[in-house]
Amino acid sequence: MTDTLAVPLRRARMWRRFRRRPMPMTGLVLVIGFILLALVGPLVTGDPAAQDYLATLAPPSAAHPMGTDDLGRDAFARIAHGAQVSLQAGVLSTALAMAVGIPIGLVAGFYRRWLDPIVMRLVDVTLAFPFLVFAVGLAAIIGPSLKGVVLALGFSQLPAVIRITRGEVLAIREMDYVAAAVADGAGDGHIIFRYVLPNCASPLIVQATVAIPAAIIGEATLSFLGLGVQPPTPSWGVMLTTAQQYLGDAPWLAIWPGVMIALATLGFNLLGDGLRDVLDPRSGP
C-alpha cells in the first residue's frame, strides 16, 4: 500500500516543483502550442498548395493572417503544415537515436571488456564532426526527403545518446543495490531492466528534450540547403529558401518561419532545463 501511494505522491511533488518555475512553464506552453499547431493547424488552414495569382506577395490581412508567397499561397497554411513536418522530423529522429543508442550504451557500459573501447572509439570519431556537418553529409548520401532527414538526424544524434547512456550505466553498476542484486543471484537481464535502465531514464528524458529542438533546426537547415523536404511540400526551411529572394518586398515570408523555429526550439530547451532541475534529486525544492 505504501509503494502504491509513493508513486502518485512523488509525481505530485515533482509537478509542484515544476510549476513553481516560470521559465519551464513558459517552455511547456510553447511546446503545447507547437504540438497543437502541428496537429490541429493543418485541419483548419486549408490546402497549403492552393495558389491565388491575384494575391501574390500580399501582406498580412484578414484573409491571409501571415500574408502570401510569390505564388499566392497562404503563409499561415504553410506554417501550420510546416510545423507538422518539423514535429515529425524532431520526434522521429530522436526516437530513432534513442531506440538504437540506448541498447548500445547499456551493453557497452554494463559489460565493458573489449566491446566498450570499440564502441567509444567509434563514438569519439563521430563526435569529432559537428552535428549539422555530419547530418548534411548523411543527408547527401541518403537523398532529399523527409525519410532521409529523419535517418540523417537520427544517426547524427546517436553518438551523444550512446555516450550519455554508457556514462550513466558505469555509475549505476557500482551502486550498492546493484552489488546486492548480484550477490542475491540476479541475472544480467534482471539487473539491467530492473535497476540500471530505470535509473538512466531521467538524463535520457532530458537529452530527448534537447535533441528534439536540435533536430527541428537540423530539418530546417537541410531543407534550406535542398537536402531535406522538397517543394511543394511545406517546410519552414523551404519557406526560408523562397523568402530570401523577397526580403525587401515581402519580409514576412522570412519573419514567420524564423519566429516559429525560434519559438519551437526555445520551448523545448526551456522545458528540458525544467525537467533536468525537477528530476535531479540534488536540486532544491
C-alpha atoms as a PDB file:
ATOM      1  CA  MET A   1       0.000   0.000   0.000  1.00  0.00           C
ATOM      2  CA  THR A   2       2.851   2.355   0.840  1.00  0.00           C
ATOM      3  CA  ASP A   3       4.558   1.708  -2.502  1.00  0.00           C
ATOM      4  CA  THR A   4       1.245   2.251  -4.309  1.00  0.00           C
ATOM      5  CA  LEU A   5       0.849   5.696  -2.740  1.00  0.00           C
ATOM      6  CA  ALA A   6       4.514   6.662  -3.103  1.00  0.00           C
ATOM      7  CA  VAL A   7       4.471   6.969  -6.900  1.00  0.00           C
ATOM      8  CA  PRO A   8       1.491   9.397  -7.148  1.00  0.00           C
ATOM      9  CA  LEU A   9       2.861  11.447  -4.259  1.00  0.00           C
ATOM     10  CA  ARG A  10       6.270  11.661  -5.881  1.00  0.00           C
ATOM     11  CA  ARG A  11       4.722  12.723  -9.194  1.00  0.00           C
ATOM     12  CA  ALA A  12       2.599  15.361  -7.477  1.00  0.00           C
ATOM     13  CA  ARG A  13       5.655  16.712  -5.678  1.00  0.00           C
ATOM     14  CA  MET A  14       7.596  16.883  -8.959  1.00  0.00           C
ATOM     15  CA  TRP A  15       4.725  18.731 -10.652  1.00  0.00           C
ATOM     16  CA  ARG A  16       4.605  21.269  -7.812  1.00  0.00           C
ATOM     17  CA  ARG A  17       8.343  21.865  -8.162  1.00  0.00           C
ATOM     18  CA  PHE A  18       7.995  22.221 -11.921  1.00  0.00           C
ATOM     19  CA  ARG A  19       5.109  24.701 -11.949  1.00  0.00           C
ATOM     20  CA  ARG A  20       6.869  26.979  -9.444  1.00  0.00           C
ATOM     21  CA  ARG A  21       9.486  27.703 -12.108  1.00  0.00           C
ATOM     22  CA  PRO A  22       8.222  30.318 -14.606  1.00  0.00           C
ATOM     23  CA  MET A  23      10.720  29.577 -17.386  1.00  0.00           C
ATOM     24  CA  PRO A  24       9.958  25.836 -17.649  1.00  0.00           C
ATOM     25  CA  MET A  25       6.235  26.608 -17.548  1.00  0.00           C
ATOM     26  CA  THR A  26       6.766  29.046 -20.405  1.00  0.00           C
ATOM     27  CA  GLY A  27       8.581  26.300 -22.287  1.00  0.00           C
ATOM     28  CA  LEU A  28       5.733  23.878 -21.625  1.00  0.00           C
ATOM     29  CA  VAL A  29       3.194  26.365 -23.004  1.00  0.00           C
ATOM     30  CA  LEU A  30       5.316  26.914 -26.134  1.00  0.00           C
ATOM     31  CA  VAL A  31       5.729  23.173 -26.692  1.00  0.00           C
ATOM     32  CA  ILE A  32       1.998  22.532 -26.277  1.00  0.00           C
ATOM     33  CA  GLY A  33       1.263  25.389 -28.685  1.00  0.00           C
ATOM     34  CA  PHE A  34       3.723  23.948 -31.219  1.00  0.00           C
ATOM     35  CA  ILE A  35       2.168  20.489 -30.969  1.00  0.00           C
ATOM     36  CA  LEU A  36      -1.363  21.884 -31.339  1.00  0.00           C
ATOM     37  CA  LEU A  37      -0.271  23.897 -34.373  1.00  0.00           C
ATOM     38  CA  ALA A  38       1.216  20.760 -35.949  1.00  0.00           C
ATOM     39  CA  LEU A  39      -1.773  18.537 -35.185  1.00  0.00           C
ATOM     40  CA  VAL A  40      -4.759  20.884 -35.464  1.00  0.00           C
ATOM     41  CA  GLY A  41      -3.428  23.631 -37.752  1.00  0.00           C
ATOM     42  CA  PRO A  42      -3.422  21.564 -40.969  1.00  0.00           C
ATOM     43  CA  LEU A  43      -7.059  20.620 -40.342  1.00  0.00           C
ATOM     44  CA  VAL A  44      -8.303  24.219 -40.233  1.00  0.00           C
ATOM     45  CA  THR A  45      -5.987  26.145 -42.557  1.00  0.00           C
ATOM     46  CA  GLY A  46      -6.853  24.523 -45.874  1.00  0.00           C
ATOM     47  CA  ASP A  47      -4.632  23.449 -48.740  1.00  0.00           C
ATOM     48  CA  PRO A  48      -1.079  24.871 -48.409  1.00  0.00           C
ATOM     49  CA  ALA A  49      -0.529  24.402 -52.145  1.00  0.00           C
ATOM     50  CA  ALA A  50      -3.615  26.399 -53.230  1.00  0.00           C
ATOM     51  CA  GLN A  51      -2.483  29.306 -55.413  1.00  0.00           C
ATOM     52  CA  ASP A  52      -4.053  32.716 -55.934  1.00  0.00           C
ATOM     53  CA  TYR A  53      -2.174  34.685 -58.591  1.00  0.00           C
ATOM     54  CA  LEU A  54      -4.249  37.766 -57.800  1.00  0.00           C
ATOM     55  CA  ALA A  55      -2.799  37.872 -54.268  1.00  0.00           C
ATOM     56  CA  THR A  56       0.904  37.163 -54.764  1.00  0.00           C
ATOM     57  CA  LEU A  57       3.227  38.595 -52.089  1.00  0.00           C
ATOM     58  CA  ALA A  58       0.195  40.068 -50.296  1.00  0.00           C
ATOM     59  CA  PRO A  59       0.937  41.479 -46.828  1.00  0.00           C
ATOM     60  CA  PRO A  60      -0.784  40.074 -43.724  1.00  0.00           C
ATOM     61  CA  SER A  61      -4.536  40.732 -43.791  1.00  0.00           C
ATOM     62  CA  ALA A  62      -7.820  39.289 -42.505  1.00  0.00           C
ATOM     63  CA  ALA A  63      -7.943  36.876 -45.446  1.00  0.00           C
ATOM     64  CA  HIS A  64      -4.283  35.882 -45.060  1.00  0.00           C
ATOM     65  CA  PRO A  65      -3.124  36.483 -41.457  1.00  0.00           C
ATOM     66  CA  MET A  66       0.531  35.862 -42.351  1.00  0.00           C
ATOM     67  CA  GLY A  67       0.424  37.099 -45.947  1.00  0.00           C
ATOM     68  CA  THR A  68       1.062  35.101 -49.110  1.00  0.00           C
ATOM     69  CA  ASP A  69       4.152  33.991 -51.009  1.00  0.00           C
ATOM     70  CA  ASP A  70       5.249  34.537 -54.608  1.00  0.00           C
ATOM     71  CA  LEU A  71       2.673  32.029 -55.892  1.00  0.00           C
ATOM     72  CA  GLY A  72      -0.197  33.403 -53.816  1.00  0.00           C
ATOM     73  CA  ARG A  73      -0.120  30.516 -51.330  1.00  0.00           C
ATOM     74  CA  ASP A  74      -1.325  31.281 -47.825  1.00  0.00           C
ATOM     75  CA  ALA A  75       1.668  31.597 -45.491  1.00  0.00           C
ATOM     76  CA  PHE A  76      -0.307  30.588 -42.391  1.00  0.00           C
ATOM     77  CA  ALA A  77      -1.401  27.311 -44.024  1.00  0.00           C
ATOM     78  CA  ARG A  78       2.193  26.594 -44.993  1.00  0.00           C
ATOM     79  CA  ILE A  79       3.434  27.445 -41.489  1.00  0.00           C
ATOM     80  CA  ALA A  80       0.910  25.011 -39.970  1.00  0.00           C
ATOM     81  CA  HIS A  81       1.803  22.185 -42.349  1.00  0.00           C
ATOM     82  CA  GLY A  82       5.496  23.004 -41.908  1.00  0.00           C
ATOM     83  CA  ALA A  83       5.060  22.574 -38.148  1.00  0.00           C
ATOM     84  CA  GLN A  84       3.841  19.044 -38.826  1.00  0.00           C
ATOM     85  CA  VAL A  85       6.986  18.303 -40.827  1.00  0.00           C
ATOM     86  CA  SER A  86       9.200  19.777 -38.090  1.00  0.00           C
ATOM     87  CA  LEU A  87       7.402  17.778 -35.389  1.00  0.00           C
ATOM     88  CA  GLN A  88       7.784  14.550 -37.357  1.00  0.00           C
ATOM     89  CA  ALA A  89      11.459  15.200 -38.028  1.00  0.00           C
ATOM     90  CA  GLY A  90      12.182  16.140 -34.405  1.00  0.00           C
ATOM     91  CA  VAL A  91      10.282  13.329 -32.702  1.00  0.00           C
ATOM     92  CA  LEU A  92      11.041  10.510 -35.147  1.00  0.00           C
ATOM     93  CA  SER A  93      14.763  11.249 -35.409  1.00  0.00           C
ATOM     94  CA  THR A  94      15.085  11.488 -31.621  1.00  0.00           C
ATOM     95  CA  ALA A  95      13.093   8.247 -31.188  1.00  0.00           C
ATOM     96  CA  LEU A  96      15.408   6.550 -33.699  1.00  0.00           C
ATOM     97  CA  ALA A  97      18.506   7.764 -31.857  1.00  0.00           C
ATOM     98  CA  MET A  98      17.084   6.576 -28.529  1.00  0.00           C
ATOM     99  CA  ALA A  99      15.946   3.196 -29.864  1.00  0.00           C
ATOM    100  CA  VAL A 100      19.388   2.420 -31.313  1.00  0.00           C
ATOM    101  CA  GLY A 101      21.661   4.294 -28.908  1.00  0.00           C
ATOM    102  CA  ILE A 102      20.248   3.194 -25.540  1.00  0.00           C
ATOM    103  CA  PRO A 103      20.782  -0.571 -26.078  1.00  0.00           C
ATOM    104  CA  ILE A 104      24.312   0.032 -27.390  1.00  0.00           C
ATOM    105  CA  GLY A 105      25.158   2.281 -24.427  1.00  0.00           C
ATOM    106  CA  LEU A 106      23.649  -0.214 -21.982  1.00  0.00           C
ATOM    107  CA  VAL A 107      25.650  -3.144 -23.328  1.00  0.00           C
ATOM    108  CA  ALA A 108      28.899  -1.163 -23.631  1.00  0.00           C
ATOM    109  CA  GLY A 109      28.637   0.286 -20.118  1.00  0.00           C
ATOM    110  CA  PHE A 110      27.416  -2.845 -18.360  1.00  0.00           C
ATOM    111  CA  TYR A 111      29.670  -5.498 -19.886  1.00  0.00           C
ATOM    112  CA  ARG A 112      32.664  -3.302 -20.835  1.00  0.00           C
ATOM    113  CA  ARG A 113      35.535  -5.738 -21.621  1.00  0.00           C
ATOM    114  CA  TRP A 114      36.530  -5.469 -25.308  1.00  0.00           C
ATOM    115  CA  LEU A 115      33.202  -4.047 -26.517  1.00  0.00           C
ATOM    116  CA  ASP A 116      33.329  -0.778 -24.587  1.00  0.00           C
ATOM    117  CA  PRO A 117      36.623   0.527 -26.061  1.00  0.00           C
ATOM    118  CA  ILE A 118      35.499  -0.276 -29.619  1.00  0.00           C
ATOM    119  CA  VAL A 119      32.115   1.443 -29.205  1.00  0.00           C
ATOM    120  CA  MET A 120      33.584   4.514 -27.530  1.00  0.00           C
ATOM    121  CA  ARG A 121      36.340   4.954 -30.121  1.00  0.00           C
ATOM    122  CA  LEU A 122      33.698   4.925 -32.864  1.00  0.00           C
ATOM    123  CA  VAL A 123      31.625   7.406 -30.842  1.00  0.00           C
ATOM    124  CA  ASP A 124      34.648   9.676 -30.374  1.00  0.00           C
ATOM    125  CA  VAL A 125      35.322   9.656 -34.119  1.00  0.00           C
ATOM    126  CA  THR A 126      31.748  10.646 -34.984  1.00  0.00           C
ATOM    127  CA  LEU A 127      31.642  13.298 -32.244  1.00  0.00           C
ATOM    128  CA  ALA A 128      34.652  14.938 -33.884  1.00  0.00           C
ATOM    129  CA  PHE A 129      32.260  16.132 -36.593  1.00  0.00           C
ATOM    130  CA  PRO A 130      29.804  18.926 -35.719  1.00  0.00           C
ATOM    131  CA  PHE A 131      26.201  17.738 -35.549  1.00  0.00           C
ATOM    132  CA  LEU A 132      24.931  19.658 -38.590  1.00  0.00           C
ATOM    133  CA  VAL A 133      28.004  18.856 -40.703  1.00  0.00           C
ATOM    134  CA  PHE A 134      27.541  15.153 -40.013  1.00  0.00           C
ATOM    135  CA  ALA A 135      23.799  15.421 -40.762  1.00  0.00           C
ATOM    136  CA  VAL A 136      24.424  17.252 -44.045  1.00  0.00           C
ATOM    137  CA  GLY A 137      26.852  14.535 -45.137  1.00  0.00           C
ATOM    138  CA  LEU A 138      24.421  11.738 -44.303  1.00  0.00           C
ATOM    139  CA  ALA A 139      21.508  13.538 -45.968  1.00  0.00           C
ATOM    140  CA  ALA A 140      23.558  13.987 -49.136  1.00  0.00           C
ATOM    141  CA  ILE A 141      24.215  10.237 -49.190  1.00  0.00           C
ATOM    142  CA  ILE A 142      20.658   9.125 -48.337  1.00  0.00           C
ATOM    143  CA  GLY A 143      18.884  11.598 -50.605  1.00  0.00           C
ATOM    144  CA  PRO A 144      16.479  14.529 -50.122  1.00  0.00           C
ATOM    145  CA  SER A 145      13.206  13.500 -48.461  1.00  0.00           C
ATOM    146  CA  LEU A 146      11.568  13.544 -45.040  1.00  0.00           C
ATOM    147  CA  LYS A 147      12.658   9.937 -44.531  1.00  0.00           C
ATOM    148  CA  GLY A 148      16.222  10.921 -45.386  1.00  0.00           C
ATOM    149  CA  VAL A 149      16.054  13.829 -42.927  1.00  0.00           C
ATOM    150  CA  VAL A 150      14.851  11.542 -40.116  1.00  0.00           C
ATOM    151  CA  LEU A 151      17.584   8.989 -40.793  1.00  0.00           C
ATOM    152  CA  ALA A 152      20.324  11.608 -41.129  1.00  0.00           C
ATOM    153  CA  LEU A 153      19.343  13.473 -37.958  1.00  0.00           C
ATOM    154  CA  GLY A 154      18.717  10.271 -36.000  1.00  0.00           C
ATOM    155  CA  PHE A 155      22.131   8.798 -36.745  1.00  0.00           C
ATOM    156  CA  SER A 156      23.777  12.183 -36.129  1.00  0.00           C
ATOM    157  CA  GLN A 157      22.272  12.211 -32.615  1.00  0.00           C
ATOM    158  CA  LEU A 158      23.261   8.597 -31.968  1.00  0.00           C
ATOM    159  CA  PRO A 159      26.781   9.210 -30.549  1.00  0.00           C
ATOM    160  CA  ALA A 160      25.514  11.586 -27.855  1.00  0.00           C
ATOM    161  CA  VAL A 161      22.825   9.110 -26.746  1.00  0.00           C
ATOM    162  CA  ILE A 162      25.329   6.257 -26.552  1.00  0.00           C
ATOM    163  CA  ARG A 163      27.796   8.359 -24.569  1.00  0.00           C
ATOM    164  CA  ILE A 164      25.191   9.554 -22.042  1.00  0.00           C
ATOM    165  CA  THR A 165      23.705   6.077 -21.572  1.00  0.00           C
ATOM    166  CA  ARG A 166      27.115   4.474 -21.107  1.00  0.00           C
ATOM    167  CA  GLY A 167      28.164   7.114 -18.566  1.00  0.00           C
ATOM    168  CA  GLU A 168      25.022   6.589 -16.506  1.00  0.00           C
ATOM    169  CA  VAL A 169      25.387   2.798 -16.634  1.00  0.00           C
ATOM    170  CA  LEU A 170      29.011   2.970 -15.488  1.00  0.00           C
ATOM    171  CA  ALA A 171      27.932   4.972 -12.432  1.00  0.00           C
ATOM    172  CA  ILE A 172      24.852   2.878 -11.631  1.00  0.00           C
ATOM    173  CA  ARG A 173      26.589  -0.514 -11.906  1.00  0.00           C
ATOM    174  CA  GLU A 174      28.827   0.474  -8.979  1.00  0.00           C
ATOM    175  CA  MET A 175      25.881   1.250  -6.675  1.00  0.00           C
ATOM    176  CA  ASP A 176      25.276  -0.867  -3.588  1.00  0.00           C
ATOM    177  CA  TYR A 177      21.821  -2.023  -4.692  1.00  0.00           C
ATOM    178  CA  VAL A 178      23.289  -3.437  -7.902  1.00  0.00           C
ATOM    179  CA  ALA A 179      26.006  -5.238  -5.930  1.00  0.00           C
ATOM    180  CA  ALA A 180      23.295  -6.616  -3.619  1.00  0.00           C
ATOM    181  CA  ALA A 181      21.303  -7.874  -6.604  1.00  0.00           C
ATOM    182  CA  VAL A 182      24.413  -9.612  -7.982  1.00  0.00           C
ATOM    183  CA  ALA A 183      25.102 -11.198  -4.594  1.00  0.00           C
ATOM    184  CA  ASP A 184      21.474 -12.354  -4.491  1.00  0.00           C
ATOM    185  CA  GLY A 185      21.984 -14.242  -7.739  1.00  0.00           C
ATOM    186  CA  ALA A 186      20.058 -11.941 -10.090  1.00  0.00           C
ATOM    187  CA  GLY A 187      20.787 -12.371 -13.794  1.00  0.00           C
ATOM    188  CA  ASP A 188      22.172  -9.681 -16.060  1.00  0.00           C
ATOM    189  CA  GLY A 189      18.836  -9.095 -17.780  1.00  0.00           C
ATOM    190  CA  HIS A 190      17.028  -8.647 -14.460  1.00  0.00           C
ATOM    191  CA  ILE A 191      19.656  -6.208 -13.203  1.00  0.00           C
ATOM    192  CA  ILE A 192      19.642  -4.168 -16.415  1.00  0.00           C
ATOM    193  CA  PHE A 193      15.868  -3.831 -16.733  1.00  0.00           C
ATOM    194  CA  ARG A 194      15.039  -3.691 -13.013  1.00  0.00           C
ATOM    195  CA  TYR A 195      17.816  -1.463 -11.668  1.00  0.00           C
ATOM    196  CA  VAL A 196      20.014   0.054 -14.375  1.00  0.00           C
ATOM    197  CA  LEU A 197      17.642   1.189 -17.128  1.00  0.00           C
ATOM    198  CA  PRO A 198      15.005   2.838 -14.857  1.00  0.00           C
ATOM    199  CA  ASN A 199      17.727   4.893 -13.168  1.00  0.00           C
ATOM    200  CA  CYS A 200      19.003   6.055 -16.580  1.00  0.00           C
ATOM    201  CA  ALA A 201      15.567   7.399 -17.512  1.00  0.00           C
ATOM    202  CA  SER A 202      15.897  10.929 -16.087  1.00  0.00           C
ATOM    203  CA  PRO A 203      19.012  12.053 -18.019  1.00  0.00           C
ATOM    204  CA  LEU A 204      17.725  10.374 -21.166  1.00  0.00           C
ATOM    205  CA  ILE A 205      14.400  12.231 -20.943  1.00  0.00           C
ATOM    206  CA  VAL A 206      16.294  15.490 -20.600  1.00  0.00           C
ATOM    207  CA  GLN A 207      18.502  14.523 -23.548  1.00  0.00           C
ATOM    208  CA  ALA A 208      15.394  13.906 -25.647  1.00  0.00           C
ATOM    209  CA  THR A 209      14.082  17.411 -24.943  1.00  0.00           C
ATOM    210  CA  VAL A 210      17.455  18.779 -26.037  1.00  0.00           C
ATOM    211  CA  ALA A 211      17.665  16.572 -29.135  1.00  0.00           C
ATOM    212  CA  ILE A 212      14.208  17.463 -30.489  1.00  0.00           C
ATOM    213  CA  PRO A 213      14.918  21.210 -30.949  1.00  0.00           C
ATOM    214  CA  ALA A 214      18.317  20.378 -32.439  1.00  0.00           C
ATOM    215  CA  ALA A 215      16.520  18.128 -34.925  1.00  0.00           C
ATOM    216  CA  ILE A 216      13.996  20.889 -35.722  1.00  0.00           C
ATOM    217  CA  ILE A 217      16.854  23.254 -36.562  1.00  0.00           C
ATOM    218  CA  GLY A 218      18.563  20.443 -38.460  1.00  0.00           C
ATOM    219  CA  GLU A 219      15.460  19.759 -40.570  1.00  0.00           C
ATOM    220  CA  ALA A 220      15.096  23.454 -41.390  1.00  0.00           C
ATOM    221  CA  THR A 221      18.789  23.646 -42.314  1.00  0.00           C
ATOM    222  CA  LEU A 222      18.687  20.571 -44.544  1.00  0.00           C
ATOM    223  CA  SER A 223      15.515  21.764 -46.271  1.00  0.00           C
ATOM    224  CA  PHE A 224      17.041  25.224 -46.737  1.00  0.00           C
ATOM    225  CA  LEU A 225      20.072  23.624 -48.407  1.00  0.00           C
ATOM    226  CA  GLY A 226      17.861  21.462 -50.648  1.00  0.00           C
ATOM    227  CA  LEU A 227      18.818  18.232 -48.852  1.00  0.00           C
ATOM    228  CA  GLY A 228      15.601  17.815 -46.886  1.00  0.00           C
ATOM    229  CA  VAL A 229      11.916  18.118 -47.647  1.00  0.00           C
ATOM    230  CA  GLN A 230      11.388  19.076 -51.274  1.00  0.00           C
ATOM    231  CA  PRO A 231       8.903  21.625 -52.705  1.00  0.00           C
ATOM    232  CA  PRO A 232       5.960  21.840 -52.925  1.00  0.00           C
ATOM    233  CA  THR A 233       5.797  20.116 -49.515  1.00  0.00           C
ATOM    234  CA  PRO A 234       5.629  22.900 -46.888  1.00  0.00           C
ATOM    235  CA  SER A 235       8.646  23.158 -44.606  1.00  0.00           C
ATOM    236  CA  TRP A 236       9.980  26.060 -42.586  1.00  0.00           C
ATOM    237  CA  GLY A 237      13.378  25.584 -44.229  1.00  0.00           C
ATOM    238  CA  VAL A 238      11.841  25.555 -47.722  1.00  0.00           C
ATOM    239  CA  MET A 239       9.895  28.713 -46.845  1.00  0.00           C
ATOM    240  CA  LEU A 240      13.131  30.447 -45.824  1.00  0.00           C
ATOM    241  CA  THR A 241      14.734  29.398 -49.101  1.00  0.00           C
ATOM    242  CA  THR A 242      11.904  31.061 -51.028  1.00  0.00           C
ATOM    243  CA  ALA A 243      11.868  34.107 -48.757  1.00  0.00           C
ATOM    244  CA  GLN A 244      15.495  35.092 -49.372  1.00  0.00           C
ATOM    245  CA  GLN A 245      14.539  36.334 -52.849  1.00  0.00           C
ATOM    246  CA  TYR A 246      11.882  38.683 -51.466  1.00  0.00           C
ATOM    247  CA  LEU A 247      13.403  40.083 -48.261  1.00  0.00           C
ATOM    248  CA  GLY A 248      12.912  43.642 -49.477  1.00  0.00           C
ATOM    249  CA  ASP A 249       9.408  43.289 -50.931  1.00  0.00           C
ATOM    250  CA  ALA A 250       7.884  40.697 -48.580  1.00  0.00           C
ATOM    251  CA  PRO A 251       9.917  40.384 -45.365  1.00  0.00           C
ATOM    252  CA  TRP A 252       7.084  38.495 -43.637  1.00  0.00           C
ATOM    253  CA  LEU A 253       7.952  35.422 -45.717  1.00  0.00           C
ATOM    254  CA  ALA A 254      11.193  35.122 -43.746  1.00  0.00           C
ATOM    255  CA  ILE A 255       9.938  36.501 -40.426  1.00  0.00           C
ATOM    256  CA  TRP A 256       7.191  33.947 -39.762  1.00  0.00           C
ATOM    257  CA  PRO A 257       9.157  30.711 -40.311  1.00  0.00           C
ATOM    258  CA  GLY A 258      12.150  32.216 -38.495  1.00  0.00           C
ATOM    259  CA  VAL A 259       9.999  33.139 -35.497  1.00  0.00           C
ATOM    260  CA  MET A 260       8.379  29.696 -35.438  1.00  0.00           C
ATOM    261  CA  ILE A 261      11.750  27.928 -35.490  1.00  0.00           C
ATOM    262  CA  ALA A 262      12.984  30.162 -32.659  1.00  0.00           C
ATOM    263  CA  LEU A 263       9.859  29.652 -30.518  1.00  0.00           C
ATOM    264  CA  ALA A 264       9.772  25.873 -31.024  1.00  0.00           C
ATOM    265  CA  THR A 265      13.438  25.415 -30.119  1.00  0.00           C
ATOM    266  CA  LEU A 266      13.176  27.852 -27.199  1.00  0.00           C
ATOM    267  CA  GLY A 267      10.159  25.987 -25.833  1.00  0.00           C
ATOM    268  CA  PHE A 268      11.847  22.586 -25.867  1.00  0.00           C
ATOM    269  CA  ASN A 269      15.064  23.970 -24.364  1.00  0.00           C
ATOM    270  CA  LEU A 270      13.224  25.686 -21.514  1.00  0.00           C
ATOM    271  CA  LEU A 271      11.200  22.529 -20.917  1.00  0.00           C
ATOM    272  CA  GLY A 272      14.378  20.456 -20.864  1.00  0.00           C
ATOM    273  CA  ASP A 273      16.013  22.762 -18.325  1.00  0.00           C
ATOM    274  CA  GLY A 274      12.965  22.481 -16.096  1.00  0.00           C
ATOM    275  CA  LEU A 275      12.821  18.697 -16.344  1.00  0.00           C
ATOM    276  CA  ARG A 276      16.523  18.471 -15.534  1.00  0.00           C
ATOM    277  CA  ASP A 277      16.023  20.501 -12.352  1.00  0.00           C
ATOM    278  CA  VAL A 278      12.893  18.595 -11.302  1.00  0.00           C
ATOM    279  CA  LEU A 279      14.292  15.130 -11.990  1.00  0.00           C
ATOM    280  CA  ASP A 280      17.588  15.877 -10.237  1.00  0.00           C
ATOM    281  CA  PRO A 281      17.198  14.808  -6.577  1.00  0.00           C
ATOM    282  CA  ARG A 282      20.011  17.180  -5.591  1.00  0.00           C
ATOM    283  CA  SER A 283      18.128  20.255  -6.797  1.00  0.00           C
ATOM    284  CA  GLY A 284      16.261  22.497  -4.427  1.00  0.00           C
ATOM    285  CA  PRO A 285      12.537  22.357  -3.624  1.00  0.00           C
END
